[in-house]
Amino acid sequence: MRIEELIKNRNDNARHFVDFPEVVFFDEFADHISALSGCEITEFEADGVVRVWIEFSYRENHFFVDNHLGDFRLFVEDPECDENILLEIADHLRLLLEKHGGNVEEVQNH
């Protein structure tokens, strides 16, 4: 399946909860996500040029990541997902951003 189809077919009720500047390649971003204890990547698609789509499960929730205009955008399938779970993911990803000289203020919560 092509990335455009994955994006189009995702649940329209998904909640966009945070953006991260694209300061690393998508494979390092995916590796960092999978390093979160209890996280499992279930789908990873890249067009080999600029677009990426990652799906993962964490604490019984399903998440999506795509990149758009220089940001990794994170969505959760269940718009009622516990805020603490979203914060755990955002905090884990901030470590990657800080490691690569990114500014934590660049992170945008939605």
Protein backbone atom coordinates (compact mmCIF):
# COMPACT_ATOMS: atom_id res chain seq x y z
CA MET A 1 0.00 0.00 0.00
CA ARG A 2 1.29 3.46 -0.83
CA ILE A 3 1.79 6.08 1.88
CA GLU A 4 -0.88 8.34 0.40
CA GLU A 5 -3.39 5.48 0.68
CA LEU A 6 -2.41 4.80 4.29
CA ILE A 7 -2.95 8.44 5.19
CA LYS A 8 -6.26 8.58 3.31
CA ASN A 9 -7.52 5.34 4.88
CA ARG A 10 -6.63 6.14 8.49
CA ASN A 11 -9.44 6.73 10.93
CA ASP A 12 -10.74 10.28 10.39
CA ASN A 13 -11.54 10.50 14.10
CA ALA A 14 -7.87 10.16 15.04
CA ARG A 15 -6.50 12.86 17.32
CA HIS A 16 -3.47 14.86 16.16
CA PHE A 17 -1.62 15.38 19.44
CA VAL A 18 1.95 16.54 18.80
CA ASP A 19 4.42 17.63 16.10
CA PHE A 20 8.20 17.21 16.23
CA PRO A 21 10.70 18.92 13.93
CA GLU A 22 12.17 16.43 11.47
CA VAL A 23 15.76 16.70 12.80
CA VAL A 24 16.65 13.02 12.16
CA PHE A 25 16.02 10.56 9.36
CA PHE A 26 12.81 8.57 9.65
CA ASP A 27 14.60 5.29 10.39
CA GLU A 28 16.27 6.77 13.49
CA PHE A 29 12.90 8.25 14.50
CA ALA A 30 11.28 4.79 14.17
CA ASP A 31 14.11 3.15 16.11
CA HIS A 32 13.65 5.67 18.92
CA ILE A 33 9.90 5.05 19.04
CA SER A 34 10.45 1.29 19.22
CA ALA A 35 12.89 1.79 22.12
CA LEU A 36 9.97 2.96 24.29
CA SER A 37 9.28 0.04 26.62
CA GLY A 38 6.04 -1.66 25.63
CA CYS A 39 5.90 -0.07 22.19
CA GLU A 40 5.56 -2.18 19.04
CA ILE A 41 5.83 -0.83 15.49
CA THR A 42 3.12 -2.48 13.41
CA GLU A 43 3.60 -0.69 10.06
CA PHE A 44 6.53 1.18 8.52
CA GLU A 45 6.30 2.57 5.00
CA ALA A 46 8.67 4.98 3.29
CA ASP A 47 8.63 6.13 -0.29
CA GLY A 48 12.43 6.23 -0.36
CA VAL A 49 12.50 9.97 -0.90
CA VAL A 50 10.54 12.18 1.48
CA ARG A 51 7.37 10.55 2.88
CA VAL A 52 7.11 8.18 5.80
CA TRP A 53 4.23 6.45 7.61
CA ILE A 54 4.71 4.64 10.92
CA GLU A 55 2.03 2.86 12.93
CA PHE A 56 2.66 1.59 16.43
CA SER A 57 0.85 0.32 19.48
CA TYR A 58 1.56 1.43 23.02
CA ARG A 59 -0.37 0.70 26.20
CA GLU A 60 -3.31 -0.75 24.27
CA ASN A 61 -3.60 2.26 21.94
CA HIS A 62 -2.87 2.60 18.24
CA PHE A 63 -0.77 5.51 16.92
CA PHE A 64 0.18 6.89 13.50
CA VAL A 65 3.13 9.07 12.46
CA ASP A 66 3.60 10.82 9.16
CA ASN A 67 5.90 13.59 8.07
CA HIS A 68 4.61 16.79 6.59
CA LEU A 69 6.36 20.10 5.84
CA GLY A 70 9.42 19.27 7.95
CA ASP A 71 7.60 17.81 10.96
CA PHE A 72 6.77 14.35 12.24
CA ARG A 73 3.06 14.51 13.09
CA LEU A 74 1.69 12.08 15.68
CA PHE A 75 -1.91 10.88 15.87
CA VAL A 76 -3.72 8.53 18.23
CA GLU A 77 -6.61 6.46 16.87
CA ASP A 78 -8.74 6.95 20.00
CA PRO A 79 -9.39 10.68 20.48
CA GLU A 80 -10.20 9.94 24.15
CA CYS A 81 -6.77 8.38 24.82
CA ASP A 82 -5.46 9.16 28.31
CA GLU A 83 -3.43 12.38 28.31
CA ASN A 84 -0.71 10.72 30.42
CA ILE A 85 -0.05 8.19 27.65
CA LEU A 86 0.31 10.98 25.11
CA LEU A 87 2.71 12.80 27.43
CA GLU A 88 4.79 9.63 27.89
CA ILE A 89 5.25 9.37 24.13
CA ALA A 90 5.99 13.08 23.74
CA ASP A 91 8.53 13.01 26.59
CA HIS A 92 10.24 9.96 25.08
CA LEU A 93 10.51 11.70 21.71
CA ARG A 94 11.82 14.92 23.30
CA LEU A 95 14.93 12.97 24.30
CA LEU A 96 15.67 12.32 20.63
CA LEU A 97 15.06 15.95 19.75
CA GLU A 98 17.35 17.18 22.53
CA LYS A 99 20.03 14.65 21.55
CA HIS A 100 20.16 16.23 18.10
CA GLY A 101 20.22 19.83 19.28
CA GLY A 102 16.53 20.51 18.78
CA ASN A 103 14.76 22.92 21.02
CA VAL A 104 11.99 21.44 23.17
CA GLU A 105 10.00 24.63 22.62
CA GLU A 106 9.79 23.59 18.95
CA VAL A 107 7.50 20.75 19.97
CA GLN A 108 3.90 21.67 19.32
CA ASN A 109 1.13 20.01 21.31
CA HIS A 110 -2.34 19.86 19.78
